[in-house]
Amino acid sequence: GILGETLDGCMAEYSVLSTKALTRIPRGFSYAEAAT
């Protein structure tokens, strides 16, 4: 279940994902930093 490989990934304006496929961005991180 890898995004961008066996599942559609993040190069879209929007995605629908299982709640288990996400985690919170650490406090103080920008979106660009968190994406790395």
PDB file of all heavy atoms in Angstrom:
ATOM      1  N   GLY A   1       0.797  -1.228   0.000  1.00  0.00           N
ATOM      2  CA  GLY A   1       0.000   0.000   0.000  1.00  0.00           C
ATOM      3  C   GLY A   1       0.824   1.269   0.000  1.00  0.00           C
ATOM      4  O   GLY A   1       0.592   2.159   0.810  1.00  0.00           O
ATOM      5  N   ILE A   2       1.793   1.389  -0.888  1.00  0.00           N
ATOM      6  CA  ILE A   2       2.674   2.560  -0.953  1.00  0.00           C
ATOM      7  C   ILE A   2       2.046   3.626  -1.842  1.00  0.00           C
ATOM      8  O   ILE A   2       1.743   3.375  -3.010  1.00  0.00           O
ATOM      9  CB  ILE A   2       4.056   2.164  -1.497  1.00  0.00           C
ATOM     10  CG1 ILE A   2       4.697   1.110  -0.595  1.00  0.00           C
ATOM     11  CG2 ILE A   2       4.947   3.389  -1.628  1.00  0.00           C
ATOM     12  CD1 ILE A   2       5.946   0.504  -1.180  1.00  0.00           C
ATOM     13  N   LEU A   3       1.882   4.830  -1.294  1.00  0.00           N
ATOM     14  CA  LEU A   3       1.369   5.939  -2.097  1.00  0.00           C
ATOM     15  C   LEU A   3       2.319   6.199  -3.260  1.00  0.00           C
ATOM     16  O   LEU A   3       3.535   6.166  -3.109  1.00  0.00           O
ATOM     17  CB  LEU A   3       1.238   7.202  -1.259  1.00  0.00           C
ATOM     18  CG  LEU A   3       0.186   7.198  -0.158  1.00  0.00           C
ATOM     19  CD1 LEU A   3       0.181   8.536   0.573  1.00  0.00           C
ATOM     20  CD2 LEU A   3      -1.186   6.899  -0.711  1.00  0.00           C
ATOM     21  N   GLY A   4       1.745   6.470  -4.431  1.00  0.00           N
ATOM     22  CA  GLY A   4       2.542   6.763  -5.612  1.00  0.00           C
ATOM     23  C   GLY A   4       3.066   5.539  -6.321  1.00  0.00           C
ATOM     24  O   GLY A   4       3.713   5.650  -7.354  1.00  0.00           O
ATOM     25  N   GLU A   5       2.803   4.360  -5.767  1.00  0.00           N
ATOM     26  CA  GLU A   5       3.266   3.119  -6.395  1.00  0.00           C
ATOM     27  C   GLU A   5       2.101   2.141  -6.519  1.00  0.00           C
ATOM     28  O   GLU A   5       1.567   1.936  -7.600  1.00  0.00           O
ATOM     29  CB  GLU A   5       4.405   2.493  -5.590  1.00  0.00           C
ATOM     30  CG  GLU A   5       4.968   1.244  -6.224  1.00  0.00           C
ATOM     31  CD  GLU A   5       6.059   0.603  -5.395  1.00  0.00           C
ATOM     32  OE1 GLU A   5       6.829   1.306  -4.714  1.00  0.00           O
ATOM     33  OE2 GLU A   5       6.140  -0.636  -5.430  1.00  0.00           O
ATOM     34  N   THR A   6       1.696   1.533  -5.428  1.00  0.00           N
ATOM     35  CA  THR A   6       0.564   0.603  -5.478  1.00  0.00           C
ATOM     36  C   THR A   6      -0.762   1.316  -5.241  1.00  0.00           C
ATOM     37  O   THR A   6      -1.820   0.745  -5.486  1.00  0.00           O
ATOM     38  CB  THR A   6       0.735  -0.537  -4.457  1.00  0.00           C
ATOM     39  OG1 THR A   6       0.882   0.036  -3.144  1.00  0.00           O
ATOM     40  CG2 THR A   6       1.950  -1.385  -4.787  1.00  0.00           C
ATOM     41  N   LEU A   7      -0.698   2.543  -4.762  1.00  0.00           N
ATOM     42  CA  LEU A   7      -1.872   3.414  -4.571  1.00  0.00           C
ATOM     43  C   LEU A   7      -1.555   4.769  -5.194  1.00  0.00           C
ATOM     44  O   LEU A   7      -0.386   5.150  -5.296  1.00  0.00           O
ATOM     45  CB  LEU A   7      -2.164   3.626  -3.080  1.00  0.00           C
ATOM     46  CG  LEU A   7      -2.408   2.393  -2.226  1.00  0.00           C
ATOM     47  CD1 LEU A   7      -2.403   2.774  -0.750  1.00  0.00           C
ATOM     48  CD2 LEU A   7      -3.726   1.751  -2.609  1.00  0.00           C
ATOM     49  N   ASP A   8      -2.588   5.517  -5.590  1.00  0.00           N
ATOM     50  CA  ASP A   8      -2.343   6.874  -6.089  1.00  0.00           C
ATOM     51  C   ASP A   8      -1.684   7.718  -5.012  1.00  0.00           C
ATOM     52  O   ASP A   8      -2.005   7.606  -3.819  1.00  0.00           O
ATOM     53  CB  ASP A   8      -3.648   7.518  -6.560  1.00  0.00           C
ATOM     54  CG  ASP A   8      -4.053   7.043  -7.941  1.00  0.00           C
ATOM     55  OD1 ASP A   8      -3.182   6.596  -8.710  1.00  0.00           O
ATOM     56  OD2 ASP A   8      -5.259   7.121  -8.260  1.00  0.00           O
ATOM     57  N   GLY A   9      -0.755   8.574  -5.432  1.00  0.00           N
ATOM     58  CA  GLY A   9       0.049   9.362  -4.514  1.00  0.00           C
ATOM     59  C   GLY A   9      -0.408  10.795  -4.330  1.00  0.00           C
ATOM     60  O   GLY A   9      -1.561  11.146  -4.583  1.00  0.00           O
ATOM     61  N   CYS A  10       0.528  11.626  -3.940  1.00  0.00           N
ATOM     62  CA  CYS A  10       0.257  12.989  -3.458  1.00  0.00           C
ATOM     63  C   CYS A  10       0.375  14.075  -4.523  1.00  0.00           C
ATOM     64  O   CYS A  10       0.217  15.248  -4.201  1.00  0.00           O
ATOM     65  CB  CYS A  10       1.220  13.312  -2.321  1.00  0.00           C
ATOM     66  SG  CYS A  10       1.122  12.164  -0.944  1.00  0.00           S
ATOM     67  N   MET A  11       0.663  13.732  -5.780  1.00  0.00           N
ATOM     68  CA  MET A  11       0.782  14.749  -6.814  1.00  0.00           C
ATOM     69  C   MET A  11      -0.590  15.029  -7.409  1.00  0.00           C
ATOM     70  O   MET A  11      -0.858  14.862  -8.599  1.00  0.00           O
ATOM     71  CB  MET A  11       1.783  14.319  -7.891  1.00  0.00           C
ATOM     72  CG  MET A  11       2.146  15.440  -8.859  1.00  0.00           C
ATOM     73  SD  MET A  11       2.704  16.953  -8.073  1.00  0.00           S
ATOM     74  CE  MET A  11       4.421  16.628  -7.865  1.00  0.00           C
ATOM     75  N   ALA A  12      -1.476  15.457  -6.523  1.00  0.00           N
ATOM     76  CA  ALA A  12      -2.858  15.788  -6.871  1.00  0.00           C
ATOM     77  C   ALA A  12      -3.280  16.935  -5.968  1.00  0.00           C
ATOM     78  O   ALA A  12      -2.686  17.141  -4.902  1.00  0.00           O
ATOM     79  CB  ALA A  12      -3.768  14.576  -6.646  1.00  0.00           C
ATOM     80  N   GLU A  13      -4.289  17.656  -6.396  1.00  0.00           N
ATOM     81  CA  GLU A  13      -4.779  18.707  -5.517  1.00  0.00           C
ATOM     82  C   GLU A  13      -5.401  18.118  -4.252  1.00  0.00           C
ATOM     83  O   GLU A  13      -5.244  18.660  -3.167  1.00  0.00           O
ATOM     84  CB  GLU A  13      -5.788  19.586  -6.256  1.00  0.00           C
ATOM     85  CG  GLU A  13      -5.139  20.435  -7.345  1.00  0.00           C
ATOM     86  CD  GLU A  13      -6.133  21.320  -8.050  1.00  0.00           C
ATOM     87  OE1 GLU A  13      -6.829  20.831  -8.958  1.00  0.00           O
ATOM     88  OE2 GLU A  13      -6.218  22.516  -7.654  1.00  0.00           O
ATOM     89  N   TYR A  14      -6.099  16.982  -4.421  1.00  0.00           N
ATOM     90  CA  TYR A  14      -6.778  16.317  -3.300  1.00  0.00           C
ATOM     91  C   TYR A  14      -6.608  14.813  -3.419  1.00  0.00           C
ATOM     92  O   TYR A  14      -6.506  14.277  -4.520  1.00  0.00           O
ATOM     93  CB  TYR A  14      -8.280  16.627  -3.305  1.00  0.00           C
ATOM     94  CG  TYR A  14      -8.622  18.072  -3.145  1.00  0.00           C
ATOM     95  CD1 TYR A  14      -8.743  18.910  -4.256  1.00  0.00           C
ATOM     96  CD2 TYR A  14      -8.823  18.623  -1.884  1.00  0.00           C
ATOM     97  CE1 TYR A  14      -9.057  20.247  -4.115  1.00  0.00           C
ATOM     98  CE2 TYR A  14      -9.148  19.966  -1.731  1.00  0.00           C
ATOM     99  CZ  TYR A  14      -9.256  20.767  -2.853  1.00  0.00           C
ATOM    100  OH  TYR A  14      -9.564  22.086  -2.703  1.00  0.00           O
ATOM    101  N   SER A  15      -6.614  14.137  -2.281  1.00  0.00           N
ATOM    102  CA  SER A  15      -6.629  12.676  -2.237  1.00  0.00           C
ATOM    103  C   SER A  15      -7.573  12.232  -1.134  1.00  0.00           C
ATOM    104  O   SER A  15      -7.751  12.937  -0.140  1.00  0.00           O
ATOM    105  CB  SER A  15      -5.247  12.103  -1.911  1.00  0.00           C
ATOM    106  OG  SER A  15      -4.320  12.354  -2.919  1.00  0.00           O
ATOM    107  N   VAL A  16      -8.133  11.055  -1.298  1.00  0.00           N
ATOM    108  CA  VAL A  16      -8.887  10.412  -0.231  1.00  0.00           C
ATOM    109  C   VAL A  16      -8.043   9.258   0.274  1.00  0.00           C
ATOM    110  O   VAL A  16      -7.580   8.426  -0.512  1.00  0.00           O
ATOM    111  CB  VAL A  16     -10.266   9.919  -0.718  1.00  0.00           C
ATOM    112  CG1 VAL A  16     -10.899   8.983   0.286  1.00  0.00           C
ATOM    113  CG2 VAL A  16     -11.178  11.109  -0.977  1.00  0.00           C
ATOM    114  N   LEU A  17      -7.810   9.244   1.583  1.00  0.00           N
ATOM    115  CA  LEU A  17      -6.957   8.230   2.201  1.00  0.00           C
ATOM    116  C   LEU A  17      -7.615   7.676   3.446  1.00  0.00           C
ATOM    117  O   LEU A  17      -8.406   8.360   4.102  1.00  0.00           O
ATOM    118  CB  LEU A  17      -5.615   8.851   2.610  1.00  0.00           C
ATOM    119  CG  LEU A  17      -4.755   9.435   1.511  1.00  0.00           C
ATOM    120  CD1 LEU A  17      -3.630  10.259   2.107  1.00  0.00           C
ATOM    121  CD2 LEU A  17      -4.198   8.332   0.657  1.00  0.00           C
ATOM    122  N   SER A  18      -7.226   6.464   3.787  1.00  0.00           N
ATOM    123  CA  SER A  18      -7.611   5.892   5.072  1.00  0.00           C
ATOM    124  C   SER A  18      -7.041   6.769   6.186  1.00  0.00           C
ATOM    125  O   SER A  18      -5.936   7.323   6.043  1.00  0.00           O
ATOM    126  CB  SER A  18      -7.053   4.478   5.193  1.00  0.00           C
ATOM    127  OG  SER A  18      -7.087   4.042   6.530  1.00  0.00           O
ATOM    128  N   THR A  19      -7.743   6.857   7.279  1.00  0.00           N
ATOM    129  CA  THR A  19      -7.226   7.636   8.415  1.00  0.00           C
ATOM    130  C   THR A  19      -5.904   7.065   8.921  1.00  0.00           C
ATOM    131  O   THR A  19      -5.107   7.781   9.515  1.00  0.00           O
ATOM    132  CB  THR A  19      -8.242   7.661   9.559  1.00  0.00           C
ATOM    133  OG1 THR A  19      -8.522   6.316   9.972  1.00  0.00           O
ATOM    134  CG2 THR A  19      -9.534   8.353   9.146  1.00  0.00           C
ATOM    135  N   LYS A  20      -5.652   5.790   8.650  1.00  0.00           N
ATOM    136  CA  LYS A  20      -4.418   5.147   9.109  1.00  0.00           C
ATOM    137  C   LYS A  20      -3.226   5.479   8.225  1.00  0.00           C
ATOM    138  O   LYS A  20      -2.090   5.144   8.566  1.00  0.00           O
ATOM    139  CB  LYS A  20      -4.617   3.630   9.166  1.00  0.00           C
ATOM    140  CG  LYS A  20      -5.656   3.235  10.181  1.00  0.00           C
ATOM    141  CD  LYS A  20      -5.940   1.760  10.131  1.00  0.00           C
ATOM    142  CE  LYS A  20      -7.041   1.456  11.136  1.00  0.00           C
ATOM    143  NZ  LYS A  20      -7.811   0.301  10.820  1.00  0.00           N
ATOM    144  N   ALA A  21      -3.449   6.114   7.090  1.00  0.00           N
ATOM    145  CA  ALA A  21      -2.375   6.448   6.152  1.00  0.00           C
ATOM    146  C   ALA A  21      -1.784   7.833   6.410  1.00  0.00           C
ATOM    147  O   ALA A  21      -0.984   8.319   5.620  1.00  0.00           O
ATOM    148  CB  ALA A  21      -2.892   6.363   4.720  1.00  0.00           C
ATOM    149  N   LEU A  22      -2.192   8.460   7.507  1.00  0.00           N
ATOM    150  CA  LEU A  22      -1.771   9.827   7.812  1.00  0.00           C
ATOM    151  C   LEU A  22      -1.274   9.932   9.249  1.00  0.00           C
ATOM    152  O   LEU A  22      -1.674   9.154  10.111  1.00  0.00           O
ATOM    153  CB  LEU A  22      -2.950  10.793   7.645  1.00  0.00           C
ATOM    154  CG  LEU A  22      -3.590  10.848   6.270  1.00  0.00           C
ATOM    155  CD1 LEU A  22      -4.923  11.570   6.346  1.00  0.00           C
ATOM    156  CD2 LEU A  22      -2.650  11.527   5.286  1.00  0.00           C
ATOM    157  N   THR A  23      -0.450  10.926   9.471  1.00  0.00           N
ATOM    158  CA  THR A  23      -0.043  11.278  10.825  1.00  0.00           C
ATOM    159  C   THR A  23       0.023  12.800  10.910  1.00  0.00           C
ATOM    160  O   THR A  23       0.058  13.484   9.883  1.00  0.00           O
ATOM    161  CB  THR A  23       1.310  10.623  11.197  1.00  0.00           C
ATOM    162  OG1 THR A  23       1.528  10.756  12.600  1.00  0.00           O
ATOM    163  CG2 THR A  23       2.463  11.214  10.407  1.00  0.00           C
ATOM    164  N   ARG A  24       0.017  13.316  12.124  1.00  0.00           N
ATOM    165  CA  ARG A  24       0.033  14.773  12.306  1.00  0.00           C
ATOM    166  C   ARG A  24       1.399  15.350  11.942  1.00  0.00           C
ATOM    167  O   ARG A  24       2.437  14.734  12.177  1.00  0.00           O
ATOM    168  CB  ARG A  24      -0.293  15.128  13.750  1.00  0.00           C
ATOM    169  CG  ARG A  24      -1.696  14.761  14.130  1.00  0.00           C
ATOM    170  CD  ARG A  24      -2.090  15.264  15.505  1.00  0.00           C
ATOM    171  NE  ARG A  24      -3.340  14.639  15.906  1.00  0.00           N
ATOM    172  CZ  ARG A  24      -4.541  14.936  15.431  1.00  0.00           C
ATOM    173  NH1 ARG A  24      -4.654  15.882  14.531  1.00  0.00           N
ATOM    174  NH2 ARG A  24      -5.617  14.304  15.846  1.00  0.00           N
ATOM    175  N   ILE A  25       1.371  16.547  11.393  1.00  0.00           N
ATOM    176  CA  ILE A  25       2.606  17.277  11.124  1.00  0.00           C
ATOM    177  C   ILE A  25       3.180  17.723  12.466  1.00  0.00           C
ATOM    178  O   ILE A  25       2.452  18.228  13.314  1.00  0.00           O
ATOM    179  CB  ILE A  25       2.325  18.497  10.210  1.00  0.00           C
ATOM    180  CG1 ILE A  25       1.946  18.010   8.804  1.00  0.00           C
ATOM    181  CG2 ILE A  25       3.520  19.436  10.165  1.00  0.00           C
ATOM    182  CD1 ILE A  25       1.569  19.128   7.854  1.00  0.00           C
ATOM    183  N   PRO A  26       4.487  17.526  12.679  1.00  0.00           N
ATOM    184  CA  PRO A  26       5.083  17.985  13.940  1.00  0.00           C
ATOM    185  C   PRO A  26       4.887  19.494  14.133  1.00  0.00           C
ATOM    186  O   PRO A  26       4.954  20.269  13.173  1.00  0.00           O
ATOM    187  CB  PRO A  26       6.569  17.658  13.777  1.00  0.00           C
ATOM    188  CG  PRO A  26       6.623  16.583  12.746  1.00  0.00           C
ATOM    189  CD  PRO A  26       5.461  16.858  11.819  1.00  0.00           C
ATOM    190  N   ARG A  27       4.629  19.886  15.363  1.00  0.00           N
ATOM    191  CA  ARG A  27       4.412  21.298  15.700  1.00  0.00           C
ATOM    192  C   ARG A  27       5.604  22.133  15.232  1.00  0.00           C
ATOM    193  O   ARG A  27       6.756  21.760  15.437  1.00  0.00           O
ATOM    194  CB  ARG A  27       4.229  21.442  17.211  1.00  0.00           C
ATOM    195  CG  ARG A  27       3.891  22.874  17.618  1.00  0.00           C
ATOM    196  CD  ARG A  27       3.512  22.967  19.068  1.00  0.00           C
ATOM    197  NE  ARG A  27       2.188  22.345  19.181  1.00  0.00           N
ATOM    198  CZ  ARG A  27       1.811  21.601  20.202  1.00  0.00           C
ATOM    199  NH1 ARG A  27       2.629  21.354  21.194  1.00  0.00           N
ATOM    200  NH2 ARG A  27       0.602  21.084  20.241  1.00  0.00           N
ATOM    201  N   GLY A  28       5.319  23.239  14.564  1.00  0.00           N
ATOM    202  CA  GLY A  28       6.353  24.159  14.109  1.00  0.00           C
ATOM    203  C   GLY A  28       6.891  23.877  12.710  1.00  0.00           C
ATOM    204  O   GLY A  28       7.675  24.660  12.193  1.00  0.00           O
ATOM    205  N   PHE A  29       6.470  22.765  12.100  1.00  0.00           N
ATOM    206  CA  PHE A  29       6.937  22.431  10.756  1.00  0.00           C
ATOM    207  C   PHE A  29       6.015  23.047   9.709  1.00  0.00           C
ATOM    208  O   PHE A  29       4.794  23.033   9.865  1.00  0.00           O
ATOM    209  CB  PHE A  29       6.955  20.915  10.544  1.00  0.00           C
ATOM    210  CG  PHE A  29       8.179  20.225  11.071  1.00  0.00           C
ATOM    211  CD1 PHE A  29       8.506  20.273  12.412  1.00  0.00           C
ATOM    212  CD2 PHE A  29       9.003  19.516  10.210  1.00  0.00           C
ATOM    213  CE1 PHE A  29       9.620  19.625  12.900  1.00  0.00           C
ATOM    214  CE2 PHE A  29      10.128  18.859  10.695  1.00  0.00           C
ATOM    215  CZ  PHE A  29      10.442  18.919  12.049  1.00  0.00           C
ATOM    216  N   SER A  30       6.592  23.560   8.628  1.00  0.00           N
ATOM    217  CA  SER A  30       5.801  24.037   7.493  1.00  0.00           C
ATOM    218  C   SER A  30       5.348  22.815   6.697  1.00  0.00           C
ATOM    219  O   SER A  30       5.845  21.703   6.890  1.00  0.00           O
ATOM    220  CB  SER A  30       6.644  24.950   6.602  1.00  0.00           C
ATOM    221  OG  SER A  30       7.651  24.182   5.949  1.00  0.00           O
ATOM    222  N   TYR A  31       4.427  23.023   5.762  1.00  0.00           N
ATOM    223  CA  TYR A  31       4.014  21.925   4.888  1.00  0.00           C
ATOM    224  C   TYR A  31       5.214  21.397   4.093  1.00  0.00           C
ATOM    225  O   TYR A  31       5.379  20.193   3.938  1.00  0.00           O
ATOM    226  CB  TYR A  31       2.915  22.367   3.924  1.00  0.00           C
ATOM    227  CG  TYR A  31       1.574  22.585   4.584  1.00  0.00           C
ATOM    228  CD1 TYR A  31       0.986  23.841   4.610  1.00  0.00           C
ATOM    229  CD2 TYR A  31       0.882  21.533   5.171  1.00  0.00           C
ATOM    230  CE1 TYR A  31      -0.259  24.037   5.199  1.00  0.00           C
ATOM    231  CE2 TYR A  31      -0.359  21.715   5.765  1.00  0.00           C
ATOM    232  CZ  TYR A  31      -0.919  22.977   5.784  1.00  0.00           C
ATOM    233  OH  TYR A  31      -2.140  23.159   6.373  1.00  0.00           O
ATOM    234  N   ALA A  32       6.042  22.302   3.584  1.00  0.00           N
ATOM    235  CA  ALA A  32       7.209  21.884   2.792  1.00  0.00           C
ATOM    236  C   ALA A  32       8.167  21.051   3.641  1.00  0.00           C
ATOM    237  O   ALA A  32       8.696  20.036   3.176  1.00  0.00           O
ATOM    238  CB  ALA A  32       7.918  23.099   2.209  1.00  0.00           C
ATOM    239  N   GLU A  33       8.405  21.462   4.871  1.00  0.00           N
ATOM    240  CA  GLU A  33       9.294  20.693   5.741  1.00  0.00           C
ATOM    241  C   GLU A  33       8.694  19.326   6.069  1.00  0.00           C
ATOM    242  O   GLU A  33       9.385  18.306   6.019  1.00  0.00           O
ATOM    243  CB  GLU A  33       9.566  21.473   7.026  1.00  0.00           C
ATOM    244  CG  GLU A  33      10.394  22.723   6.805  1.00  0.00           C
ATOM    245  CD  GLU A  33      10.391  23.668   7.991  1.00  0.00           C
ATOM    246  OE1 GLU A  33       9.421  23.663   8.789  1.00  0.00           O
ATOM    247  OE2 GLU A  33      11.370  24.432   8.125  1.00  0.00           O
ATOM    248  N   ALA A  34       7.419  19.303   6.398  1.00  0.00           N
ATOM    249  CA  ALA A  34       6.762  18.042   6.771  1.00  0.00           C
ATOM    250  C   ALA A  34       6.728  17.056   5.607  1.00  0.00           C
ATOM    251  O   ALA A  34       6.818  15.846   5.814  1.00  0.00           O
ATOM    252  CB  ALA A  34       5.353  18.318   7.278  1.00  0.00           C
ATOM    253  N   ALA A  35       6.630  17.562   4.384  1.00  0.00           N
ATOM    254  CA  ALA A  35       6.567  16.679   3.213  1.00  0.00           C
ATOM    255  C   ALA A  35       7.868  15.917   2.987  1.00  0.00           C
ATOM    256  O   ALA A  35       7.882  14.930   2.269  1.00  0.00           O
ATOM    257  CB  ALA A  35       6.210  17.486   1.961  1.00  0.00           C
ATOM    258  N   THR A  36       8.956  16.341   3.611  1.00  0.00           N
ATOM    259  CA  THR A  36      10.231  15.634   3.453  1.00  0.00           C
ATOM    260  C   THR A  36      10.407  14.507   4.464  1.00  0.00           C
ATOM    261  O   THR A  36      11.366  13.739   4.366  1.00  0.00           O
ATOM    262  CB  THR A  36      11.427  16.592   3.607  1.00  0.00           C
ATOM    263  OG1 THR A  36      11.505  17.040   4.969  1.00  0.00           O
ATOM    264  CG2 THR A  36      11.319  17.779   2.665  1.00  0.00           C
TER     265      THR A  36
END
